[in-house]
Amino acid sequence: MGLIAMSSIRTLFIVPNRGSSFIEQDIRILSRHFEVNCVPYRTLGLLPEILKPILTRAYDLTYLWFVYHYALPVSAACKAAKIPCVLVPSGVDVANNPEIGYGQMQFREARIRTKTSLRLSTLVLPVSDFVKRLVLRLTRPKLMRVIHNGIDTEKFKPHGAKEDIILTVAGISERNFLYKRLDVFVKSAKFLPNYRFMLVGKHIDGTVQRLKAMAPPNVDFLGQLSNADLLRLYQRARVYVQVSHEEAFGCALAEAMACECVPVVVRRGALPEIVGGTGYYALYADPAGTAQTIMQAFAKGDGTSARRRIERMFTVKRRELELIKALKSVCG
């Protein structure tokens, strides 16, 4: 296509669901440049409706978030029709953590489907170097390029005075209890009784009662907040804690850093990739050690360096430039 106007590239954008901030961001990015038809994939019965226009070449490009079961028939149809197929692996779809029951690579059939989908694809775009390493444990795609998620630093920015608040954001569920190590966050509060710990996130099942049973009085369970209220809490919090088993990127962490929260994390998954030298590192699954690290962050931390790192490496503008360049290259 060479220098063809990108707005004429007919793009099928397939997602498992709408609503995730990073998916909605990509929909907006692609829609600014391409002619986009966004199809939320919910059931197997939708496949014929999706595959027919691919096989009849009604699209010039397909773009899929997550390498789930729909990726195999879609990538195969794209190969048959000679249409570029772009896959965005983003964590759970290529993860294998049987010790905490997380990741679809625990299952043989899913591994086979995912490996085949990655091999059939034209371009694979992991959201972090960590996710790239997970992909390479499975197979070597023909073409792969890391494009990090982007943070809107015009929206997520400091405002007002910081308070002695320690914050983490995660949906509260049985899966996240160990995956996000919410237990460690809650237990670490016992060692810092004079500080306020806040856990923000939807109560997905009854796991919040389990956490409340182990929580000291200085832990607040705020539930799911509006976007505006969450932003204000990022701006008020001095320290943001993410001590997960692993993270494919860590959007909430990066948003908090953009608001000049000092990050406290563990050296797992993509967390060191996002934080670099701007935060403090606790030992994994160690509540007492996490509390000590939080105190280091209070005593020595500077949230301005955390924000500068996000501005330098993880902005929406940077993702947009890199993403459109990559997609244009496979449509040429």
C-alpha atoms as a PDB file:
ATOM      1  CA  MET A   1       0.000   0.000   0.000  1.00  0.00           C
ATOM      2  CA  GLY A   2       2.987   2.258   0.435  1.00  0.00           C
ATOM      3  CA  LEU A   3       1.804   5.795   1.199  1.00  0.00           C
ATOM      4  CA  ILE A   4      -1.895   5.011   0.939  1.00  0.00           C
ATOM      5  CA  ALA A   5      -4.064   7.093   3.273  1.00  0.00           C
ATOM      6  CA  MET A   6      -4.367   5.035   6.422  1.00  0.00           C
ATOM      7  CA  SER A   7      -7.996   5.999   6.906  1.00  0.00           C
ATOM      8  CA  SER A   8      -8.825   3.731   3.962  1.00  0.00           C
ATOM      9  CA  ILE A   9      -7.495   0.627   5.714  1.00  0.00           C
ATOM     10  CA  ARG A  10     -10.559  -1.389   6.701  1.00  0.00           C
ATOM     11  CA  THR A  11      -9.833  -2.883  10.111  1.00  0.00           C
ATOM     12  CA  LEU A  12     -11.660  -5.569  12.056  1.00  0.00           C
ATOM     13  CA  PHE A  13     -10.946  -5.073  15.764  1.00  0.00           C
ATOM     14  CA  ILE A  14     -11.886  -8.135  17.851  1.00  0.00           C
ATOM     15  CA  VAL A  15     -11.995  -7.994  21.661  1.00  0.00           C
ATOM     16  CA  PRO A  16     -13.361 -10.438  24.256  1.00  0.00           C
ATOM     17  CA  ASN A  17     -15.239  -7.609  25.974  1.00  0.00           C
ATOM     18  CA  ARG A  18     -15.524  -3.845  26.002  1.00  0.00           C
ATOM     19  CA  GLY A  19     -14.731  -1.617  28.926  1.00  0.00           C
ATOM     20  CA  SER A  20     -11.063  -2.283  29.750  1.00  0.00           C
ATOM     21  CA  SER A  21      -9.195   1.024  29.641  1.00  0.00           C
ATOM     22  CA  PHE A  22      -6.316  -0.317  27.556  1.00  0.00           C
ATOM     23  CA  ILE A  23      -8.658  -1.882  24.983  1.00  0.00           C
ATOM     24  CA  GLU A  24     -10.795   1.245  24.729  1.00  0.00           C
ATOM     25  CA  GLN A  25      -7.607   3.230  24.263  1.00  0.00           C
ATOM     26  CA  ASP A  26      -6.582   1.124  21.260  1.00  0.00           C
ATOM     27  CA  ILE A  27     -10.055   1.445  19.754  1.00  0.00           C
ATOM     28  CA  ARG A  28      -9.688   5.230  19.931  1.00  0.00           C
ATOM     29  CA  ILE A  29      -6.164   5.120  18.501  1.00  0.00           C
ATOM     30  CA  LEU A  30      -7.041   2.925  15.540  1.00  0.00           C
ATOM     31  CA  SER A  31     -10.252   4.842  14.860  1.00  0.00           C
ATOM     32  CA  ARG A  32      -8.258   8.043  14.435  1.00  0.00           C
ATOM     33  CA  HIS A  33      -6.303   6.458  11.586  1.00  0.00           C
ATOM     34  CA  PHE A  34      -8.285   3.559  10.137  1.00  0.00           C
ATOM     35  CA  GLU A  35     -11.811   2.607   9.221  1.00  0.00           C
ATOM     36  CA  VAL A  36     -12.589   0.404  12.240  1.00  0.00           C
ATOM     37  CA  ASN A  37     -15.324  -2.122  12.899  1.00  0.00           C
ATOM     38  CA  CYS A  38     -15.103  -3.199  16.540  1.00  0.00           C
ATOM     39  CA  VAL A  39     -16.605  -6.626  17.302  1.00  0.00           C
ATOM     40  CA  PRO A  40     -16.810  -7.765  20.949  1.00  0.00           C
ATOM     41  CA  TYR A  41     -16.448 -11.551  20.869  1.00  0.00           C
ATOM     42  CA  ARG A  42     -18.766 -13.218  23.380  1.00  0.00           C
ATOM     43  CA  THR A  43     -19.783 -16.657  22.118  1.00  0.00           C
ATOM     44  CA  LEU A  44     -18.688 -19.337  19.681  1.00  0.00           C
ATOM     45  CA  GLY A  45     -21.823 -18.660  17.654  1.00  0.00           C
ATOM     46  CA  LEU A  46     -20.377 -15.325  16.517  1.00  0.00           C
ATOM     47  CA  LEU A  47     -17.504 -16.970  14.633  1.00  0.00           C
ATOM     48  CA  PRO A  48     -19.313 -17.468  11.270  1.00  0.00           C
ATOM     49  CA  GLU A  49     -20.340 -13.810  11.330  1.00  0.00           C
ATOM     50  CA  ILE A  50     -16.720 -12.813  11.970  1.00  0.00           C
ATOM     51  CA  LEU A  51     -15.023 -15.237   9.565  1.00  0.00           C
ATOM     52  CA  LYS A  52     -17.201 -14.659   6.498  1.00  0.00           C
ATOM     53  CA  PRO A  53     -16.125 -11.037   5.853  1.00  0.00           C
ATOM     54  CA  ILE A  54     -12.497 -12.024   6.474  1.00  0.00           C
ATOM     55  CA  LEU A  55     -12.650 -14.816   3.904  1.00  0.00           C
ATOM     56  CA  THR A  56     -14.368 -12.503   1.399  1.00  0.00           C
ATOM     57  CA  ARG A  57     -11.682  -9.862   2.030  1.00  0.00           C
ATOM     58  CA  ALA A  58     -14.064  -7.242   3.357  1.00  0.00           C
ATOM     59  CA  TYR A  59     -11.214  -6.107   5.613  1.00  0.00           C
ATOM     60  CA  ASP A  60      -7.594  -5.150   4.997  1.00  0.00           C
ATOM     61  CA  LEU A  61      -6.424  -5.922   8.537  1.00  0.00           C
ATOM     62  CA  THR A  62      -7.568  -7.801  11.634  1.00  0.00           C
ATOM     63  CA  TYR A  63      -6.480  -6.780  15.121  1.00  0.00           C
ATOM     64  CA  LEU A  64      -7.104  -9.061  18.111  1.00  0.00           C
ATOM     65  CA  TRP A  65      -6.640  -8.327  21.798  1.00  0.00           C
ATOM     66  CA  PHE A  66      -5.682 -11.479  23.720  1.00  0.00           C
ATOM     67  CA  VAL A  67      -4.773 -14.801  22.134  1.00  0.00           C
ATOM     68  CA  TYR A  68      -7.889 -16.609  23.265  1.00  0.00           C
ATOM     69  CA  HIS A  69      -9.705 -19.471  21.521  1.00  0.00           C
ATOM     70  CA  TYR A  70     -11.102 -17.201  18.795  1.00  0.00           C
ATOM     71  CA  ALA A  71      -7.576 -16.295  17.675  1.00  0.00           C
ATOM     72  CA  LEU A  72      -6.983 -19.647  15.952  1.00  0.00           C
ATOM     73  CA  PRO A  73      -9.926 -19.645  13.482  1.00  0.00           C
ATOM     74  CA  VAL A  74      -9.456 -15.917  12.850  1.00  0.00           C
ATOM     75  CA  SER A  75      -5.710 -16.171  12.202  1.00  0.00           C
ATOM     76  CA  ALA A  76      -6.266 -19.219   9.961  1.00  0.00           C
ATOM     77  CA  ALA A  77      -8.960 -17.376   7.981  1.00  0.00           C
ATOM     78  CA  CYS A  78      -6.679 -14.363   7.616  1.00  0.00           C
ATOM     79  CA  LYS A  79      -3.871 -16.529   6.297  1.00  0.00           C
ATOM     80  CA  ALA A  80      -6.225 -18.166   3.783  1.00  0.00           C
ATOM     81  CA  ALA A  81      -7.493 -14.756   2.624  1.00  0.00           C
ATOM     82  CA  LYS A  82      -3.989 -13.224   2.710  1.00  0.00           C
ATOM     83  CA  ILE A  83      -5.064 -10.520   5.158  1.00  0.00           C
ATOM     84  CA  PRO A  84      -2.670  -9.370   7.908  1.00  0.00           C
ATOM     85  CA  CYS A  85      -3.583 -10.694  11.351  1.00  0.00           C
ATOM     86  CA  VAL A  86      -2.204  -8.819  14.364  1.00  0.00           C
ATOM     87  CA  LEU A  87      -2.335 -10.387  17.838  1.00  0.00           C
ATOM     88  CA  VAL A  88      -1.849  -8.537  21.134  1.00  0.00           C
ATOM     89  CA  PRO A  89      -0.908 -11.052  23.868  1.00  0.00           C
ATOM     90  CA  SER A  90      -1.433  -9.412  27.226  1.00  0.00           C
ATOM     91  CA  GLY A  91      -0.789 -11.719  30.142  1.00  0.00           C
ATOM     92  CA  VAL A  92      -3.282 -14.384  31.172  1.00  0.00           C
ATOM     93  CA  ASP A  93      -3.519 -15.624  27.577  1.00  0.00           C
ATOM     94  CA  VAL A  94       0.165 -16.665  27.530  1.00  0.00           C
ATOM     95  CA  ALA A  95       0.801 -17.166  31.258  1.00  0.00           C
ATOM     96  CA  ASN A  96       1.385 -20.476  33.021  1.00  0.00           C
ATOM     97  CA  ASN A  97       1.144 -20.317  36.813  1.00  0.00           C
ATOM     98  CA  PRO A  98      -0.395 -23.579  38.027  1.00  0.00           C
ATOM     99  CA  GLU A  99       0.756 -22.882  41.580  1.00  0.00           C
ATOM    100  CA  ILE A 100      -1.907 -20.153  41.833  1.00  0.00           C
ATOM    101  CA  GLY A 101      -4.256 -21.462  39.126  1.00  0.00           C
ATOM    102  CA  TYR A 102      -3.546 -18.579  36.747  1.00  0.00           C
ATOM    103  CA  GLY A 103      -2.922 -18.551  32.999  1.00  0.00           C
ATOM    104  CA  GLN A 104      -4.426 -20.494  30.116  1.00  0.00           C
ATOM    105  CA  MET A 105      -1.085 -22.159  29.320  1.00  0.00           C
ATOM    106  CA  GLN A 106      -1.803 -24.558  32.189  1.00  0.00           C
ATOM    107  CA  PHE A 107      -4.023 -26.449  29.756  1.00  0.00           C
ATOM    108  CA  ARG A 108      -2.674 -28.546  26.877  1.00  0.00           C
ATOM    109  CA  GLU A 109      -5.403 -27.694  24.366  1.00  0.00           C
ATOM    110  CA  ALA A 110      -5.033 -23.979  25.068  1.00  0.00           C
ATOM    111  CA  ARG A 111      -1.255 -24.217  24.595  1.00  0.00           C
ATOM    112  CA  ILE A 112      -1.688 -25.876  21.203  1.00  0.00           C
ATOM    113  CA  ARG A 113      -4.278 -23.305  20.067  1.00  0.00           C
ATOM    114  CA  THR A 114      -2.187 -20.383  21.262  1.00  0.00           C
ATOM    115  CA  LYS A 115       1.071 -21.595  19.720  1.00  0.00           C
ATOM    116  CA  THR A 116      -0.638 -22.208  16.382  1.00  0.00           C
ATOM    117  CA  SER A 117      -2.354 -18.820  16.445  1.00  0.00           C
ATOM    118  CA  LEU A 118       0.943 -17.055  17.157  1.00  0.00           C
ATOM    119  CA  ARG A 119       2.640 -18.903  14.303  1.00  0.00           C
ATOM    120  CA  LEU A 120      -0.153 -18.100  11.835  1.00  0.00           C
ATOM    121  CA  SER A 121      -0.255 -14.411  12.741  1.00  0.00           C
ATOM    122  CA  THR A 122       1.410 -11.708  10.680  1.00  0.00           C
ATOM    123  CA  LEU A 123       2.515  -9.608  13.632  1.00  0.00           C
ATOM    124  CA  VAL A 124       2.551 -10.125  17.411  1.00  0.00           C
ATOM    125  CA  LEU A 125       2.553  -7.048  19.671  1.00  0.00           C
ATOM    126  CA  PRO A 126       3.232  -7.936  23.335  1.00  0.00           C
ATOM    127  CA  VAL A 127       2.481  -5.134  25.803  1.00  0.00           C
ATOM    128  CA  SER A 128       5.800  -5.591  27.643  1.00  0.00           C
ATOM    129  CA  ASP A 129       9.178  -7.297  27.376  1.00  0.00           C
ATOM    130  CA  PHE A 130       7.937  -9.696  30.036  1.00  0.00           C
ATOM    131  CA  VAL A 131       5.010 -10.790  27.862  1.00  0.00           C
ATOM    132  CA  LYS A 132       7.424 -11.150  24.946  1.00  0.00           C
ATOM    133  CA  ARG A 133       9.425 -13.626  27.024  1.00  0.00           C
ATOM    134  CA  LEU A 134       6.245 -15.578  27.770  1.00  0.00           C
ATOM    135  CA  VAL A 135       5.492 -15.746  24.029  1.00  0.00           C
ATOM    136  CA  LEU A 136       9.015 -16.959  23.259  1.00  0.00           C
ATOM    137  CA  ARG A 137       8.578 -19.818  25.735  1.00  0.00           C
ATOM    138  CA  LEU A 138       5.793 -21.046  23.471  1.00  0.00           C
ATOM    139  CA  THR A 139       7.010 -20.298  19.957  1.00  0.00           C
ATOM    140  CA  ARG A 140       8.817 -17.797  17.745  1.00  0.00           C
ATOM    141  CA  PRO A 141       6.348 -15.710  15.735  1.00  0.00           C
ATOM    142  CA  LYS A 142       7.359 -14.530  12.285  1.00  0.00           C
ATOM    143  CA  LEU A 143       7.338 -10.905  13.386  1.00  0.00           C
ATOM    144  CA  MET A 144       7.094  -9.568  16.940  1.00  0.00           C
ATOM    145  CA  ARG A 145       7.503  -6.116  18.419  1.00  0.00           C
ATOM    146  CA  VAL A 146       6.928  -4.898  21.975  1.00  0.00           C
ATOM    147  CA  ILE A 147       4.646  -1.871  22.197  1.00  0.00           C
ATOM    148  CA  HIS A 148       3.923  -0.914  25.772  1.00  0.00           C
ATOM    149  CA  ASN A 149       0.529   0.202  26.964  1.00  0.00           C
ATOM    150  CA  GLY A 150       0.146   3.970  27.110  1.00  0.00           C
ATOM    151  CA  ILE A 151      -0.897   6.289  29.935  1.00  0.00           C
ATOM    152  CA  ASP A 152      -2.732   9.557  29.356  1.00  0.00           C
ATOM    153  CA  THR A 153      -0.394  11.870  31.260  1.00  0.00           C
ATOM    154  CA  GLU A 154      -2.634  14.861  30.569  1.00  0.00           C
ATOM    155  CA  LYS A 155      -5.364  13.149  32.574  1.00  0.00           C
ATOM    156  CA  PHE A 156      -3.233  11.275  35.099  1.00  0.00           C
ATOM    157  CA  LYS A 157      -1.171  14.047  36.646  1.00  0.00           C
ATOM    158  CA  PRO A 158      -0.490  15.381  40.146  1.00  0.00           C
ATOM    159  CA  HIS A 159      -2.894  17.845  41.706  1.00  0.00           C
ATOM    160  CA  GLY A 160      -2.948  19.128  45.260  1.00  0.00           C
ATOM    161  CA  ALA A 161      -1.098  17.964  48.337  1.00  0.00           C
ATOM    162  CA  LYS A 162      -0.147  14.377  48.980  1.00  0.00           C
ATOM    163  CA  GLU A 163      -1.478  12.591  52.064  1.00  0.00           C
ATOM    164  CA  ASP A 164      -0.118   9.651  54.056  1.00  0.00           C
ATOM    165  CA  ILE A 165      -2.164   7.144  52.078  1.00  0.00           C
ATOM    166  CA  ILE A 166      -0.923   3.759  50.827  1.00  0.00           C
ATOM    167  CA  LEU A 167      -3.005   2.629  47.851  1.00  0.00           C
ATOM    168  CA  THR A 168      -3.522  -0.408  45.660  1.00  0.00           C
ATOM    169  CA  VAL A 169      -6.135  -1.033  42.966  1.00  0.00           C
ATOM    170  CA  ALA A 170      -7.484  -4.479  42.031  1.00  0.00           C
ATOM    171  CA  GLY A 171     -10.759  -6.288  41.656  1.00  0.00           C
ATOM    172  CA  ILE A 172     -11.290  -8.395  44.764  1.00  0.00           C
ATOM    173  CA  SER A 173     -11.815 -12.031  43.789  1.00  0.00           C
ATOM    174  CA  GLU A 174     -10.565 -15.486  44.649  1.00  0.00           C
ATOM    175  CA  ARG A 175      -8.207 -15.378  41.662  1.00  0.00           C
ATOM    176  CA  ASN A 176      -6.747 -11.988  42.576  1.00  0.00           C
ATOM    177  CA  PHE A 177      -6.299 -12.959  46.205  1.00  0.00           C
ATOM    178  CA  LEU A 178      -3.064 -14.733  45.255  1.00  0.00           C
ATOM    179  CA  TYR A 179      -2.390 -13.300  41.794  1.00  0.00           C
ATOM    180  CA  LYS A 180      -2.384  -9.694  43.061  1.00  0.00           C
ATOM    181  CA  ARG A 181      -1.275 -10.833  46.541  1.00  0.00           C
ATOM    182  CA  LEU A 182      -3.996  -8.786  48.165  1.00  0.00           C
ATOM    183  CA  ASP A 183      -3.336 -10.754  51.331  1.00  0.00           C
ATOM    184  CA  VAL A 184       0.198  -9.330  51.493  1.00  0.00           C
ATOM    185  CA  PHE A 185      -1.059  -5.768  51.056  1.00  0.00           C
ATOM    186  CA  VAL A 186      -3.631  -6.175  53.834  1.00  0.00           C
ATOM    187  CA  LYS A 187      -1.267  -7.959  56.240  1.00  0.00           C
ATOM    188  CA  SER A 188       1.482  -5.362  55.729  1.00  0.00           C
ATOM    189  CA  ALA A 189      -0.883  -2.740  57.218  1.00  0.00           C
ATOM    190  CA  LYS A 190      -0.583  -4.444  60.623  1.00  0.00           C
ATOM    191  CA  PHE A 191       3.026  -3.263  60.847  1.00  0.00           C
ATOM    192  CA  LEU A 192       2.103   0.363  60.103  1.00  0.00           C
ATOM    193  CA  PRO A 193      -0.944   1.070  62.281  1.00  0.00           C
ATOM    194  CA  ASN A 194      -0.623   4.860  61.987  1.00  0.00           C
ATOM    195  CA  TYR A 195      -0.941   4.868  58.189  1.00  0.00           C
ATOM    196  CA  ARG A 196      -4.066   4.539  56.048  1.00  0.00           C
ATOM    197  CA  PHE A 197      -4.154   1.645  53.586  1.00  0.00           C
ATOM    198  CA  MET A 198      -6.773   1.788  50.834  1.00  0.00           C
ATOM    199  CA  LEU A 199      -7.805  -1.062  48.563  1.00  0.00           C
ATOM    200  CA  VAL A 200      -9.897   0.055  45.578  1.00  0.00           C
ATOM    201  CA  GLY A 201     -11.664  -2.413  43.311  1.00  0.00           C
ATOM    202  CA  LYS A 202     -14.913  -4.145  42.534  1.00  0.00           C
ATOM    203  CA  HIS A 203     -16.007  -6.871  44.954  1.00  0.00           C
ATOM    204  CA  ILE A 204     -16.369  -9.665  42.404  1.00  0.00           C
ATOM    205  CA  ASP A 205     -17.203 -12.468  44.813  1.00  0.00           C
ATOM    206  CA  GLY A 206     -17.143 -13.059  48.551  1.00  0.00           C
ATOM    207  CA  THR A 207     -13.358 -12.835  48.849  1.00  0.00           C
ATOM    208  CA  VAL A 208     -13.567  -9.346  50.372  1.00  0.00           C
ATOM    209  CA  GLN A 209     -14.921 -10.925  53.571  1.00  0.00           C
ATOM    210  CA  ARG A 210     -11.842 -13.133  53.753  1.00  0.00           C
ATOM    211  CA  LEU A 211      -9.610 -10.074  53.403  1.00  0.00           C
ATOM    212  CA  LYS A 212     -11.570  -8.067  55.946  1.00  0.00           C
ATOM    213  CA  ALA A 213     -11.157 -10.898  58.452  1.00  0.00           C
ATOM    214  CA  MET A 214      -7.378 -10.553  58.290  1.00  0.00           C
ATOM    215  CA  ALA A 215      -7.273  -6.751  57.975  1.00  0.00           C
ATOM    216  CA  PRO A 216      -6.366  -4.361  60.793  1.00  0.00           C
ATOM    217  CA  PRO A 217      -8.543  -1.252  61.394  1.00  0.00           C
ATOM    218  CA  ASN A 218      -6.315   0.993  59.217  1.00  0.00           C
ATOM    219  CA  VAL A 219      -7.344  -0.763  55.966  1.00  0.00           C
ATOM    220  CA  ASP A 220     -10.249   0.731  54.021  1.00  0.00           C
ATOM    221  CA  PHE A 221     -12.061  -1.332  51.368  1.00  0.00           C
ATOM    222  CA  LEU A 222     -13.487   1.315  49.056  1.00  0.00           C
ATOM    223  CA  GLY A 223     -15.032  -0.896  46.379  1.00  0.00           C
ATOM    224  CA  GLN A 224     -15.193   0.249  42.760  1.00  0.00           C
ATOM    225  CA  LEU A 225     -14.810   4.017  42.334  1.00  0.00           C
ATOM    226  CA  SER A 226     -15.759   6.272  39.465  1.00  0.00           C
ATOM    227  CA  ASN A 227     -12.919   7.288  37.156  1.00  0.00           C
ATOM    228  CA  ALA A 228     -12.942  10.784  38.639  1.00  0.00           C
ATOM    229  CA  ASP A 229     -12.808   9.532  42.229  1.00  0.00           C
ATOM    230  CA  LEU A 230     -10.008   7.089  41.430  1.00  0.00           C
ATOM    231  CA  LEU A 231      -7.989   9.859  39.786  1.00  0.00           C
ATOM    232  CA  ARG A 232      -8.393  12.043  42.851  1.00  0.00           C
ATOM    233  CA  LEU A 233      -7.245   9.178  45.071  1.00  0.00           C
ATOM    234  CA  TYR A 234      -4.136   8.641  42.918  1.00  0.00           C
ATOM    235  CA  GLN A 235      -3.432  12.346  43.372  1.00  0.00           C
ATOM    236  CA  ARG A 236      -3.852  12.153  47.158  1.00  0.00           C
ATOM    237  CA  ALA A 237      -1.926   8.912  47.775  1.00  0.00           C
ATOM    238  CA  ARG A 238       1.771   9.148  48.552  1.00  0.00           C
ATOM    239  CA  VAL A 239       2.653   5.473  47.956  1.00  0.00           C
ATOM    240  CA  TYR A 240       1.228   2.963  45.501  1.00  0.00           C
ATOM    241  CA  VAL A 241       1.791  -0.751  46.218  1.00  0.00           C
ATOM    242  CA  GLN A 242       1.793  -3.552  43.631  1.00  0.00           C
ATOM    243  CA  VAL A 243       3.153  -6.817  45.017  1.00  0.00           C
ATOM    244  CA  SER A 244       1.536  -9.210  42.522  1.00  0.00           C
ATOM    245  CA  HIS A 245       2.664 -12.725  41.678  1.00  0.00           C
ATOM    246  CA  GLU A 246       3.298 -11.184  38.259  1.00  0.00           C
ATOM    247  CA  GLU A 247       1.953  -8.400  36.042  1.00  0.00           C
ATOM    248  CA  ALA A 248       1.933  -8.254  32.248  1.00  0.00           C
ATOM    249  CA  PHE A 249       2.177  -4.464  32.442  1.00  0.00           C
ATOM    250  CA  GLY A 250       0.434  -2.827  35.397  1.00  0.00           C
ATOM    251  CA  CYS A 251      -1.858  -0.062  34.127  1.00  0.00           C
ATOM    252  CA  ALA A 252      -3.024   1.056  37.584  1.00  0.00           C
ATOM    253  CA  LEU A 253       0.590   1.177  38.763  1.00  0.00           C
ATOM    254  CA  ALA A 254       1.582   3.354  35.792  1.00  0.00           C
ATOM    255  CA  GLU A 255      -1.436   5.635  36.286  1.00  0.00           C
ATOM    256  CA  ALA A 256      -0.479   6.098  39.940  1.00  0.00           C
ATOM    257  CA  MET A 257       3.142   6.833  38.988  1.00  0.00           C
ATOM    258  CA  ALA A 258       1.913   9.469  36.513  1.00  0.00           C
ATOM    259  CA  CYS A 259       0.156  11.087  39.501  1.00  0.00           C
ATOM    260  CA  GLU A 260       3.492  11.092  41.384  1.00  0.00           C
ATOM    261  CA  CYS A 261       2.802   8.189  43.710  1.00  0.00           C
ATOM    262  CA  VAL A 262       6.001   6.505  44.863  1.00  0.00           C
ATOM    263  CA  PRO A 263       5.817   2.868  43.692  1.00  0.00           C
ATOM    264  CA  VAL A 264       6.495  -0.101  45.960  1.00  0.00           C
ATOM    265  CA  VAL A 265       6.644  -3.324  43.950  1.00  0.00           C
ATOM    266  CA  VAL A 266       8.293  -6.738  43.759  1.00  0.00           C
ATOM    267  CA  ARG A 267      10.771  -7.982  41.163  1.00  0.00           C
ATOM    268  CA  ARG A 268       8.288 -10.111  39.254  1.00  0.00           C
ATOM    269  CA  GLY A 269       6.688  -9.942  35.828  1.00  0.00           C
ATOM    270  CA  ALA A 270       6.769  -6.537  34.143  1.00  0.00           C
ATOM    271  CA  LEU A 271       6.811  -4.564  37.402  1.00  0.00           C
ATOM    272  CA  PRO A 272      10.576  -3.764  37.308  1.00  0.00           C
ATOM    273  CA  GLU A 273      10.172  -2.899  33.613  1.00  0.00           C
ATOM    274  CA  ILE A 274       7.632  -0.205  34.460  1.00  0.00           C
ATOM    275  CA  VAL A 275       9.178   1.127  37.672  1.00  0.00           C
ATOM    276  CA  GLY A 276      12.880   0.952  36.838  1.00  0.00           C
ATOM    277  CA  GLY A 277      14.906   2.844  39.437  1.00  0.00           C
ATOM    278  CA  THR A 278      12.098   5.206  40.457  1.00  0.00           C
ATOM    279  CA  GLY A 279      10.579   3.033  43.180  1.00  0.00           C
ATOM    280  CA  TYR A 280      11.279   0.593  45.975  1.00  0.00           C
ATOM    281  CA  TYR A 281      11.385  -3.201  45.840  1.00  0.00           C
ATOM    282  CA  ALA A 282      10.005  -5.520  48.506  1.00  0.00           C
ATOM    283  CA  LEU A 283      10.590  -9.236  48.826  1.00  0.00           C
ATOM    284  CA  TYR A 284       7.775 -11.280  47.335  1.00  0.00           C
ATOM    285  CA  ALA A 285       5.026 -12.538  49.693  1.00  0.00           C
ATOM    286  CA  ASP A 286       6.588 -10.835  52.726  1.00  0.00           C
ATOM    287  CA  PRO A 287       4.137  -8.562  54.599  1.00  0.00           C
ATOM    288  CA  ALA A 288       6.690  -7.378  57.167  1.00  0.00           C
ATOM    289  CA  GLY A 289       9.263  -6.686  54.479  1.00  0.00           C
ATOM    290  CA  THR A 290       6.643  -4.896  52.387  1.00  0.00           C
ATOM    291  CA  ALA A 291       5.849  -2.642  55.348  1.00  0.00           C
ATOM    292  CA  GLN A 292       9.547  -1.825  55.768  1.00  0.00           C
ATOM    293  CA  THR A 293       9.805  -0.998  52.067  1.00  0.00           C
ATOM    294  CA  ILE A 294       6.745   1.242  52.295  1.00  0.00           C
ATOM    295  CA  MET A 295       8.464   3.161  55.100  1.00  0.00           C
ATOM    296  CA  GLN A 296      11.533   3.574  52.875  1.00  0.00           C
ATOM    297  CA  ALA A 297       9.269   4.982  50.181  1.00  0.00           C
ATOM    298  CA  PHE A 298       7.786   7.456  52.669  1.00  0.00           C
ATOM    299  CA  ALA A 299      11.198   8.490  53.980  1.00  0.00           C
ATOM    300  CA  LYS A 300      13.141   8.744  50.730  1.00  0.00           C
ATOM    301  CA  GLY A 301      10.709   8.459  47.839  1.00  0.00           C
ATOM    302  CA  ASP A 302      10.189  11.132  45.211  1.00  0.00           C
ATOM    303  CA  GLY A 303       7.120  10.740  43.038  1.00  0.00           C
ATOM    304  CA  THR A 304       8.379  13.232  40.462  1.00  0.00           C
ATOM    305  CA  SER A 305      10.909  10.725  39.117  1.00  0.00           C
ATOM    306  CA  ALA A 306       8.152   8.128  38.775  1.00  0.00           C
ATOM    307  CA  ARG A 307       6.069  10.536  36.709  1.00  0.00           C
ATOM    308  CA  ARG A 308       9.045  11.447  34.517  1.00  0.00           C
ATOM    309  CA  ARG A 309       9.592   7.784  33.719  1.00  0.00           C
ATOM    310  CA  ILE A 310       5.970   7.405  32.574  1.00  0.00           C
ATOM    311  CA  GLU A 311       6.232  10.595  30.509  1.00  0.00           C
ATOM    312  CA  ARG A 312       9.427   9.341  28.883  1.00  0.00           C
ATOM    313  CA  MET A 313       8.480   5.736  28.187  1.00  0.00           C
ATOM    314  CA  PHE A 314       4.778   4.917  28.536  1.00  0.00           C
ATOM    315  CA  THR A 315       2.569   7.644  27.082  1.00  0.00           C
ATOM    316  CA  VAL A 316      -0.486   7.234  24.861  1.00  0.00           C
ATOM    317  CA  LYS A 317       1.272   9.325  22.211  1.00  0.00           C
ATOM    318  CA  ARG A 318       4.210   6.928  22.126  1.00  0.00           C
ATOM    319  CA  ARG A 319       1.938   3.887  21.862  1.00  0.00           C
ATOM    320  CA  GLU A 320      -0.024   5.538  19.077  1.00  0.00           C
ATOM    321  CA  LEU A 321       3.073   6.394  17.029  1.00  0.00           C
ATOM    322  CA  GLU A 322       4.596   2.928  17.423  1.00  0.00           C
ATOM    323  CA  LEU A 323       1.313   1.081  16.898  1.00  0.00           C
ATOM    324  CA  ILE A 324       0.316   2.880  13.706  1.00  0.00           C
ATOM    325  CA  LYS A 325       3.831   2.504  12.311  1.00  0.00           C
ATOM    326  CA  ALA A 326       3.778  -1.244  13.017  1.00  0.00           C
ATOM    327  CA  LEU A 327       0.311  -1.757  11.519  1.00  0.00           C
ATOM    328  CA  LYS A 328       1.147   0.286   8.448  1.00  0.00           C
ATOM    329  CA  SER A 329       4.232  -1.867   7.884  1.00  0.00           C
ATOM    330  CA  VAL A 330       2.182  -5.068   7.556  1.00  0.00           C
ATOM    331  CA  CYS A 331      -0.380  -3.427   5.286  1.00  0.00           C
ATOM    332  CA  GLY A 332       2.263  -2.270   2.830  1.00  0.00           C
END
